[in-house]
Amino acid sequence: MSVLQADGRALVVAMDHARTHGVIEGLEDPGAIIDAMVDAGADAIMTSYGVVKHYRDRLIGRIPTIMRLDGGPSLYREDWLAYTEWALLHSVEDALLLGADGVCLMAFVGIPVELETYKIVAKVSGECLRVNLPVMVEALPAKSERIPDPMDPLAMASAARLGFEHGADIIKTYYTGSPDSFRQVVDNCPVPTLIAGGARMDTVQETLEVVHGAIQAGGRGVVFGRNIWQNPEPQRMVRALRAIIHDDASVAEALDAFNG
């Protein structure tokens, strides 16, 4: 099953957060979220080994499933984007055994684990090439001496390009705040670029404006978690996002889809 749809775009629901958070609001019942996302029309789900292993009957064959293979300490040990440890935790063979349709890995730029993440992406990309599995790389600049502003378009564009250069078939990265600035990211990345949602945004409208801006700049969709399943109406959120991603709807039209 393909992650990208016929139009080359995708609405991917991220469900790997508990792998670092442990308990997180909205993911108490992974099976219920999976069923709701399938029913609402999500294009794919990206999640952890544990979720794929224990809910495979609700994932595999129902919706394209991307499995995260790498990881680091929990938030009880180290902060997001400030890791000193990172490793490949699961194998391509594990992904194949569970029936996954693709794999996901990190590429952290600017922090001590940078080279280790490149080694992991390069190794897994070679293995996935042999078995025809697509590789999604979440490529993120991190605040550091040489990256004072991680949201700088050049830093984000460079992170995306580095993910591509080490083997990514799809890039997941942050939106830089405007279509003009995000276009620099897209124009310098030869593979489809999807945006991450990060922390939950304040309003539905803000979320839709971010996605609309990314699509206008040439982005190919989203890999959103908290901005979907922490919303009181996650299925409506999927419908609104689909309107922008697949139907080129305006923000106002997508809000109508959410409300009605």
C-alpha atoms as a PDB file:
ATOM      1  CA  MET A   1       0.000   0.000   0.000  1.00  0.00           C
ATOM      2  CA  SER A   2       1.340   3.411  -0.976  1.00  0.00           C
ATOM      3  CA  VAL A   3       1.714   6.258   1.526  1.00  0.00           C
ATOM      4  CA  LEU A   4       1.436   8.987  -1.112  1.00  0.00           C
ATOM      5  CA  GLN A   5      -1.882   9.088  -2.933  1.00  0.00           C
ATOM      6  CA  ALA A   6      -2.417   9.427  -6.695  1.00  0.00           C
ATOM      7  CA  ASP A   7      -2.017  13.206  -6.436  1.00  0.00           C
ATOM      8  CA  GLY A   8       1.394  12.770  -4.823  1.00  0.00           C
ATOM      9  CA  ARG A   9       0.156  14.050  -1.453  1.00  0.00           C
ATOM     10  CA  ALA A  10      -0.599  12.442   1.882  1.00  0.00           C
ATOM     11  CA  LEU A  11      -2.304  12.983   5.216  1.00  0.00           C
ATOM     12  CA  VAL A  12      -0.335  10.836   7.647  1.00  0.00           C
ATOM     13  CA  VAL A  13      -1.404  10.483  11.272  1.00  0.00           C
ATOM     14  CA  ALA A  14       1.567  10.261  13.645  1.00  0.00           C
ATOM     15  CA  MET A  15       1.074   7.995  16.656  1.00  0.00           C
ATOM     16  CA  ASP A  16       4.605   7.399  17.955  1.00  0.00           C
ATOM     17  CA  HIS A  17       4.575  10.011  20.741  1.00  0.00           C
ATOM     18  CA  ALA A  18       4.095   7.630  23.678  1.00  0.00           C
ATOM     19  CA  ARG A  19       7.426   6.039  22.755  1.00  0.00           C
ATOM     20  CA  THR A  20       9.114   9.078  24.337  1.00  0.00           C
ATOM     21  CA  HIS A  21       6.364  10.581  26.523  1.00  0.00           C
ATOM     22  CA  GLY A  22       4.993   7.413  28.073  1.00  0.00           C
ATOM     23  CA  VAL A  23       1.550   8.694  29.037  1.00  0.00           C
ATOM     24  CA  ILE A  24       0.192  11.328  26.640  1.00  0.00           C
ATOM     25  CA  GLU A  25      -3.305  12.740  26.355  1.00  0.00           C
ATOM     26  CA  GLY A  26      -5.205  11.438  23.352  1.00  0.00           C
ATOM     27  CA  LEU A  27      -3.296   8.178  22.849  1.00  0.00           C
ATOM     28  CA  GLU A  28      -4.695   6.246  25.794  1.00  0.00           C
ATOM     29  CA  ASP A  29      -6.445   3.811  23.422  1.00  0.00           C
ATOM     30  CA  PRO A  30      -4.412   3.371  20.216  1.00  0.00           C
ATOM     31  CA  GLY A  31      -6.955   0.991  18.709  1.00  0.00           C
ATOM     32  CA  ALA A  32      -9.786   3.510  18.995  1.00  0.00           C
ATOM     33  CA  ILE A  33      -7.669   6.223  17.363  1.00  0.00           C
ATOM     34  CA  ILE A  34      -6.636   3.883  14.556  1.00  0.00           C
ATOM     35  CA  ASP A  35     -10.269   2.978  13.826  1.00  0.00           C
ATOM     36  CA  ALA A  36     -11.323   6.634  13.909  1.00  0.00           C
ATOM     37  CA  MET A  37      -8.514   7.682  11.559  1.00  0.00           C
ATOM     38  CA  VAL A  38      -9.293   4.922   9.068  1.00  0.00           C
ATOM     39  CA  ASP A  39     -12.988   5.828   9.109  1.00  0.00           C
ATOM     40  CA  ALA A  40     -12.213   9.538   8.664  1.00  0.00           C
ATOM     41  CA  GLY A  41     -10.098   8.941   5.556  1.00  0.00           C
ATOM     42  CA  ALA A  42      -6.499   9.370   6.721  1.00  0.00           C
ATOM     43  CA  ASP A  43      -4.007   8.216   4.080  1.00  0.00           C
ATOM     44  CA  ALA A  44      -1.512   6.504   6.400  1.00  0.00           C
ATOM     45  CA  ILE A  45      -0.479   6.031  10.005  1.00  0.00           C
ATOM     46  CA  MET A  46       3.068   6.378  11.324  1.00  0.00           C
ATOM     47  CA  THR A  47       3.595   4.683  14.671  1.00  0.00           C
ATOM     48  CA  SER A  48       5.836   2.637  16.927  1.00  0.00           C
ATOM     49  CA  TYR A  49       6.840  -1.006  16.863  1.00  0.00           C
ATOM     50  CA  GLY A  50       4.669  -1.720  19.896  1.00  0.00           C
ATOM     51  CA  VAL A  51       1.529  -0.267  18.334  1.00  0.00           C
ATOM     52  CA  VAL A  52       2.063  -2.085  15.032  1.00  0.00           C
ATOM     53  CA  LYS A  53       2.769  -5.355  16.860  1.00  0.00           C
ATOM     54  CA  HIS A  54      -0.300  -5.239  19.084  1.00  0.00           C
ATOM     55  CA  TYR A  55      -2.784  -3.586  16.689  1.00  0.00           C
ATOM     56  CA  ARG A  56      -1.621  -5.076  13.400  1.00  0.00           C
ATOM     57  CA  ASP A  57      -5.073  -6.507  12.648  1.00  0.00           C
ATOM     58  CA  ARG A  58      -6.474  -2.961  12.717  1.00  0.00           C
ATOM     59  CA  LEU A  59      -3.608  -1.501  10.663  1.00  0.00           C
ATOM     60  CA  ILE A  60      -2.109  -3.860   8.133  1.00  0.00           C
ATOM     61  CA  GLY A  61      -4.223  -4.130   5.003  1.00  0.00           C
ATOM     62  CA  ARG A  62      -6.598  -1.396   6.213  1.00  0.00           C
ATOM     63  CA  ILE A  63      -4.313   1.647   5.952  1.00  0.00           C
ATOM     64  CA  PRO A  64      -0.696   2.165   4.852  1.00  0.00           C
ATOM     65  CA  THR A  65       1.441   1.826   7.976  1.00  0.00           C
ATOM     66  CA  ILE A  66       4.857   3.399   8.559  1.00  0.00           C
ATOM     67  CA  MET A  67       6.858   1.999  11.470  1.00  0.00           C
ATOM     68  CA  ARG A  68       9.455   4.004  13.384  1.00  0.00           C
ATOM     69  CA  LEU A  69      12.667   2.025  13.767  1.00  0.00           C
ATOM     70  CA  ASP A  70      14.875   4.369  15.815  1.00  0.00           C
ATOM     71  CA  GLY A  71      14.692   6.072  19.171  1.00  0.00           C
ATOM     72  CA  GLY A  72      16.367   7.711  22.127  1.00  0.00           C
ATOM     73  CA  PRO A  73      15.779   8.253  25.820  1.00  0.00           C
ATOM     74  CA  SER A  74      12.347   9.120  27.168  1.00  0.00           C
ATOM     75  CA  LEU A  75      11.498  12.667  28.187  1.00  0.00           C
ATOM     76  CA  TYR A  76      12.243  11.581  31.756  1.00  0.00           C
ATOM     77  CA  ARG A  77      15.917  11.480  30.732  1.00  0.00           C
ATOM     78  CA  GLU A  78      16.482  14.005  27.921  1.00  0.00           C
ATOM     79  CA  ASP A  79      14.570  16.740  26.126  1.00  0.00           C
ATOM     80  CA  TRP A  80      13.296  16.626  22.548  1.00  0.00           C
ATOM     81  CA  LEU A  81      15.872  18.048  20.104  1.00  0.00           C
ATOM     82  CA  ALA A  82      18.600  17.909  22.772  1.00  0.00           C
ATOM     83  CA  TYR A  83      19.623  14.265  22.625  1.00  0.00           C
ATOM     84  CA  THR A  84      23.048  12.894  23.463  1.00  0.00           C
ATOM     85  CA  GLU A  85      21.966   9.305  22.724  1.00  0.00           C
ATOM     86  CA  TRP A  86      20.146   7.867  19.714  1.00  0.00           C
ATOM     87  CA  ALA A  87      20.045   4.379  18.225  1.00  0.00           C
ATOM     88  CA  LEU A  88      18.464   1.999  15.741  1.00  0.00           C
ATOM     89  CA  LEU A  89      16.076  -0.017  17.944  1.00  0.00           C
ATOM     90  CA  HIS A  90      14.208  -2.183  15.419  1.00  0.00           C
ATOM     91  CA  SER A  91      15.153  -3.694  12.090  1.00  0.00           C
ATOM     92  CA  VAL A  92      13.871  -3.602   8.529  1.00  0.00           C
ATOM     93  CA  GLU A  93      13.211  -7.316   9.011  1.00  0.00           C
ATOM     94  CA  ASP A  94      10.929  -6.444  11.955  1.00  0.00           C
ATOM     95  CA  ALA A  95       9.017  -4.017   9.744  1.00  0.00           C
ATOM     96  CA  LEU A  96       8.607  -6.623   7.016  1.00  0.00           C
ATOM     97  CA  LEU A  97       7.540  -9.307   9.484  1.00  0.00           C
ATOM     98  CA  LEU A  98       4.795  -7.053  10.828  1.00  0.00           C
ATOM     99  CA  GLY A  99       3.662  -6.071   7.319  1.00  0.00           C
ATOM    100  CA  ALA A 100       4.609  -2.378   7.472  1.00  0.00           C
ATOM    101  CA  ASP A 101       4.428  -0.358   4.260  1.00  0.00           C
ATOM    102  CA  GLY A 102       7.360   1.918   5.114  1.00  0.00           C
ATOM    103  CA  VAL A 103       9.727   2.978   7.877  1.00  0.00           C
ATOM    104  CA  CYS A 104      10.502   6.245   9.640  1.00  0.00           C
ATOM    105  CA  LEU A 105      13.796   7.542  11.055  1.00  0.00           C
ATOM    106  CA  MET A 106      15.165  10.774  12.520  1.00  0.00           C
ATOM    107  CA  ALA A 107      17.932  13.030  11.236  1.00  0.00           C
ATOM    108  CA  PHE A 108      18.894  15.539  13.936  1.00  0.00           C
ATOM    109  CA  VAL A 109      21.080  18.374  12.690  1.00  0.00           C
ATOM    110  CA  GLY A 110      23.340  20.341  15.008  1.00  0.00           C
ATOM    111  CA  ILE A 111      23.363  18.185  18.165  1.00  0.00           C
ATOM    112  CA  PRO A 112      25.753  15.428  19.339  1.00  0.00           C
ATOM    113  CA  VAL A 113      23.732  12.573  17.815  1.00  0.00           C
ATOM    114  CA  GLU A 114      23.774  14.083  14.294  1.00  0.00           C
ATOM    115  CA  LEU A 115      26.296  11.671  12.764  1.00  0.00           C
ATOM    116  CA  GLU A 116      24.694   8.673  14.452  1.00  0.00           C
ATOM    117  CA  THR A 117      21.336   9.537  12.870  1.00  0.00           C
ATOM    118  CA  TYR A 118      22.970   9.822   9.439  1.00  0.00           C
ATOM    119  CA  LYS A 119      24.574   6.407   9.893  1.00  0.00           C
ATOM    120  CA  ILE A 120      21.177   4.936  10.778  1.00  0.00           C
ATOM    121  CA  VAL A 121      19.426   6.577   7.803  1.00  0.00           C
ATOM    122  CA  ALA A 122      22.149   5.417   5.409  1.00  0.00           C
ATOM    123  CA  LYS A 123      22.143   1.836   6.708  1.00  0.00           C
ATOM    124  CA  VAL A 124      18.360   1.467   6.738  1.00  0.00           C
ATOM    125  CA  SER A 125      17.963   3.169   3.345  1.00  0.00           C
ATOM    126  CA  GLY A 126      20.273   0.569   1.792  1.00  0.00           C
ATOM    127  CA  GLU A 127      18.345  -2.278   3.383  1.00  0.00           C
ATOM    128  CA  CYS A 128      14.996  -0.804   2.344  1.00  0.00           C
ATOM    129  CA  LEU A 129      16.179  -0.386  -1.244  1.00  0.00           C
ATOM    130  CA  ARG A 130      16.688  -4.147  -1.425  1.00  0.00           C
ATOM    131  CA  VAL A 131      13.140  -4.902  -0.251  1.00  0.00           C
ATOM    132  CA  ASN A 132      11.347  -1.936  -1.855  1.00  0.00           C
ATOM    133  CA  LEU A 133      10.244  -0.210   1.370  1.00  0.00           C
ATOM    134  CA  PRO A 134      10.025   3.608   1.349  1.00  0.00           C
ATOM    135  CA  VAL A 135      11.972   5.534   3.985  1.00  0.00           C
ATOM    136  CA  MET A 136      10.515   8.602   5.685  1.00  0.00           C
ATOM    137  CA  VAL A 137      13.116  10.780   7.412  1.00  0.00           C
ATOM    138  CA  GLU A 138      12.088  13.345   9.999  1.00  0.00           C
ATOM    139  CA  ALA A 139      14.861  15.871   9.382  1.00  0.00           C
ATOM    140  CA  LEU A 140      15.081  18.604  12.013  1.00  0.00           C
ATOM    141  CA  PRO A 141      17.599  21.316  12.849  1.00  0.00           C
ATOM    142  CA  ALA A 142      18.163  21.659  16.590  1.00  0.00           C
ATOM    143  CA  LYS A 143      19.145  24.744  18.540  1.00  0.00           C
ATOM    144  CA  SER A 144      22.912  24.713  18.940  1.00  0.00           C
ATOM    145  CA  GLU A 145      26.001  26.885  18.597  1.00  0.00           C
ATOM    146  CA  ARG A 146      25.836  26.797  14.801  1.00  0.00           C
ATOM    147  CA  ILE A 147      22.029  26.849  14.591  1.00  0.00           C
ATOM    148  CA  PRO A 148      20.867  29.755  16.779  1.00  0.00           C
ATOM    149  CA  ASP A 149      17.385  29.665  15.197  1.00  0.00           C
ATOM    150  CA  PRO A 150      16.144  26.167  14.238  1.00  0.00           C
ATOM    151  CA  MET A 151      13.158  27.675  12.406  1.00  0.00           C
ATOM    152  CA  ASP A 152      15.404  29.612  10.038  1.00  0.00           C
ATOM    153  CA  PRO A 153      14.441  28.579   6.483  1.00  0.00           C
ATOM    154  CA  LEU A 154      18.046  27.884   5.498  1.00  0.00           C
ATOM    155  CA  ALA A 155      18.546  25.622   8.514  1.00  0.00           C
ATOM    156  CA  MET A 156      15.287  23.785   7.785  1.00  0.00           C
ATOM    157  CA  ALA A 157      16.095  23.495   4.082  1.00  0.00           C
ATOM    158  CA  SER A 158      19.551  22.158   4.887  1.00  0.00           C
ATOM    159  CA  ALA A 159      18.143  19.576   7.302  1.00  0.00           C
ATOM    160  CA  ALA A 160      15.668  18.380   4.671  1.00  0.00           C
ATOM    161  CA  ARG A 161      18.410  18.191   2.044  1.00  0.00           C
ATOM    162  CA  LEU A 162      20.684  16.259   4.406  1.00  0.00           C
ATOM    163  CA  GLY A 163      17.888  13.754   5.011  1.00  0.00           C
ATOM    164  CA  PHE A 164      17.489  13.332   1.257  1.00  0.00           C
ATOM    165  CA  GLU A 165      21.228  12.968   0.672  1.00  0.00           C
ATOM    166  CA  HIS A 166      21.418  10.098   3.160  1.00  0.00           C
ATOM    167  CA  GLY A 167      18.575   8.158   1.546  1.00  0.00           C
ATOM    168  CA  ALA A 168      15.110   9.528   2.363  1.00  0.00           C
ATOM    169  CA  ASP A 169      12.217   8.900  -0.016  1.00  0.00           C
ATOM    170  CA  ILE A 170       9.944  11.259   1.943  1.00  0.00           C
ATOM    171  CA  ILE A 171      10.960  14.120   4.243  1.00  0.00           C
ATOM    172  CA  LYS A 172       9.052  15.198   7.329  1.00  0.00           C
ATOM    173  CA  THR A 173      10.060  18.576   8.739  1.00  0.00           C
ATOM    174  CA  TYR A 174       8.684  21.706  10.363  1.00  0.00           C
ATOM    175  CA  TYR A 175       6.847  24.492   8.574  1.00  0.00           C
ATOM    176  CA  THR A 176       8.899  27.698   8.638  1.00  0.00           C
ATOM    177  CA  GLY A 177       6.019  30.127   9.116  1.00  0.00           C
ATOM    178  CA  SER A 178       5.181  31.368   5.632  1.00  0.00           C
ATOM    179  CA  PRO A 179       4.773  29.981   2.101  1.00  0.00           C
ATOM    180  CA  ASP A 180       7.709  32.079   0.844  1.00  0.00           C
ATOM    181  CA  SER A 181      10.113  30.803   3.492  1.00  0.00           C
ATOM    182  CA  PHE A 182       8.909  27.186   3.240  1.00  0.00           C
ATOM    183  CA  ARG A 183       9.378  27.280  -0.530  1.00  0.00           C
ATOM    184  CA  GLN A 184      13.121  27.390   0.134  1.00  0.00           C
ATOM    185  CA  VAL A 185      12.802  24.065   1.937  1.00  0.00           C
ATOM    186  CA  VAL A 186      10.741  22.447  -0.814  1.00  0.00           C
ATOM    187  CA  ASP A 187      12.831  23.826  -3.685  1.00  0.00           C
ATOM    188  CA  ASN A 188      16.028  22.354  -2.237  1.00  0.00           C
ATOM    189  CA  CYS A 189      14.585  18.903  -1.480  1.00  0.00           C
ATOM    190  CA  PRO A 190      14.129  16.577  -4.487  1.00  0.00           C
ATOM    191  CA  VAL A 191      11.728  14.227  -2.665  1.00  0.00           C
ATOM    192  CA  PRO A 192       8.216  14.947  -1.311  1.00  0.00           C
ATOM    193  CA  THR A 193       8.227  17.146   1.800  1.00  0.00           C
ATOM    194  CA  LEU A 194       5.526  16.788   4.451  1.00  0.00           C
ATOM    195  CA  ILE A 195       5.205  18.964   7.532  1.00  0.00           C
ATOM    196  CA  ALA A 196       5.208  17.868  11.159  1.00  0.00           C
ATOM    197  CA  GLY A 197       2.685  19.358  13.527  1.00  0.00           C
ATOM    198  CA  GLY A 198       4.756  19.655  16.685  1.00  0.00           C
ATOM    199  CA  ALA A 199       2.882  20.741  19.798  1.00  0.00           C
ATOM    200  CA  ARG A 200      -0.858  21.215  19.472  1.00  0.00           C
ATOM    201  CA  MET A 201      -1.694  24.586  17.949  1.00  0.00           C
ATOM    202  CA  ASP A 202      -4.114  26.967  19.659  1.00  0.00           C
ATOM    203  CA  THR A 203      -7.008  26.782  17.187  1.00  0.00           C
ATOM    204  CA  VAL A 204      -8.314  24.741  14.286  1.00  0.00           C
ATOM    205  CA  GLN A 205      -7.982  27.781  12.044  1.00  0.00           C
ATOM    206  CA  GLU A 206      -4.302  28.219  12.931  1.00  0.00           C
ATOM    207  CA  THR A 207      -3.669  24.571  12.125  1.00  0.00           C
ATOM    208  CA  LEU A 208      -5.425  24.838   8.768  1.00  0.00           C
ATOM    209  CA  GLU A 209      -3.559  28.046   7.897  1.00  0.00           C
ATOM    210  CA  VAL A 210      -0.236  26.302   8.499  1.00  0.00           C
ATOM    211  CA  VAL A 211      -1.209  23.386   6.260  1.00  0.00           C
ATOM    212  CA  HIS A 212      -2.589  25.664   3.558  1.00  0.00           C
ATOM    213  CA  GLY A 213       0.648  27.658   3.545  1.00  0.00           C
ATOM    214  CA  ALA A 214       2.743  24.513   3.247  1.00  0.00           C
ATOM    215  CA  ILE A 215       0.667  23.214   0.329  1.00  0.00           C
ATOM    216  CA  GLN A 216       0.837  26.594  -1.420  1.00  0.00           C
ATOM    217  CA  ALA A 217       4.636  26.414  -1.138  1.00  0.00           C
ATOM    218  CA  GLY A 218       4.758  22.972  -2.766  1.00  0.00           C
ATOM    219  CA  GLY A 219       4.590  20.788   0.326  1.00  0.00           C
ATOM    220  CA  ARG A 220       2.939  17.416  -0.167  1.00  0.00           C
ATOM    221  CA  GLY A 221       0.934  17.083   3.027  1.00  0.00           C
ATOM    222  CA  VAL A 222       1.286  16.479   6.747  1.00  0.00           C
ATOM    223  CA  VAL A 223       2.439  14.022   9.364  1.00  0.00           C
ATOM    224  CA  PHE A 224       0.289  15.269  12.255  1.00  0.00           C
ATOM    225  CA  GLY A 225      -0.344  13.749  15.658  1.00  0.00           C
ATOM    226  CA  ARG A 226      -1.416  16.011  18.527  1.00  0.00           C
ATOM    227  CA  ASN A 227      -3.115  18.447  16.153  1.00  0.00           C
ATOM    228  CA  ILE A 228      -5.455  15.601  15.186  1.00  0.00           C
ATOM    229  CA  TRP A 229      -5.973  13.209  18.109  1.00  0.00           C
ATOM    230  CA  GLN A 230      -5.797  15.863  20.838  1.00  0.00           C
ATOM    231  CA  ASN A 231      -8.554  17.785  19.073  1.00  0.00           C
ATOM    232  CA  PRO A 232     -11.999  17.072  20.602  1.00  0.00           C
ATOM    233  CA  GLU A 233     -13.185  16.199  17.064  1.00  0.00           C
ATOM    234  CA  PRO A 234     -10.327  14.254  15.475  1.00  0.00           C
ATOM    235  CA  GLN A 235     -12.394  12.877  12.604  1.00  0.00           C
ATOM    236  CA  ARG A 236     -13.595  16.341  11.659  1.00  0.00           C
ATOM    237  CA  MET A 237      -9.980  17.496  11.765  1.00  0.00           C
ATOM    238  CA  VAL A 238      -9.003  14.799   9.285  1.00  0.00           C
ATOM    239  CA  ARG A 239     -11.817  15.848   6.949  1.00  0.00           C
ATOM    240  CA  ALA A 240     -10.712  19.486   7.104  1.00  0.00           C
ATOM    241  CA  LEU A 241      -7.077  18.578   6.455  1.00  0.00           C
ATOM    242  CA  ARG A 242      -8.068  16.342   3.544  1.00  0.00           C
ATOM    243  CA  ALA A 243      -9.944  19.252   1.988  1.00  0.00           C
ATOM    244  CA  ILE A 244      -6.765  21.338   1.861  1.00  0.00           C
ATOM    245  CA  ILE A 245      -4.324  18.555   1.012  1.00  0.00           C
ATOM    246  CA  HIS A 246      -6.309  16.690  -1.632  1.00  0.00           C
ATOM    247  CA  ASP A 247      -8.945  19.177  -2.812  1.00  0.00           C
ATOM    248  CA  ASP A 248      -6.893  22.404  -2.713  1.00  0.00           C
ATOM    249  CA  ALA A 249      -9.553  23.964  -0.494  1.00  0.00           C
ATOM    250  CA  SER A 250      -9.117  27.379   1.059  1.00  0.00           C
ATOM    251  CA  VAL A 251      -8.842  27.759   4.824  1.00  0.00           C
ATOM    252  CA  ALA A 252     -12.444  28.988   4.913  1.00  0.00           C
ATOM    253  CA  GLU A 253     -13.641  25.968   2.918  1.00  0.00           C
ATOM    254  CA  ALA A 254     -11.690  23.616   5.185  1.00  0.00           C
ATOM    255  CA  LEU A 255     -13.247  25.270   8.246  1.00  0.00           C
ATOM    256  CA  ASP A 256     -16.654  24.628   6.704  1.00  0.00           C
ATOM    257  CA  ALA A 257     -15.664  20.978   6.270  1.00  0.00           C
ATOM    258  CA  PHE A 258     -14.640  20.827   9.932  1.00  0.00           C
ATOM    259  CA  ASN A 259     -17.854  22.450  11.146  1.00  0.00           C
ATOM    260  CA  GLY A 260     -20.242  20.609   8.935  1.00  0.00           C
END
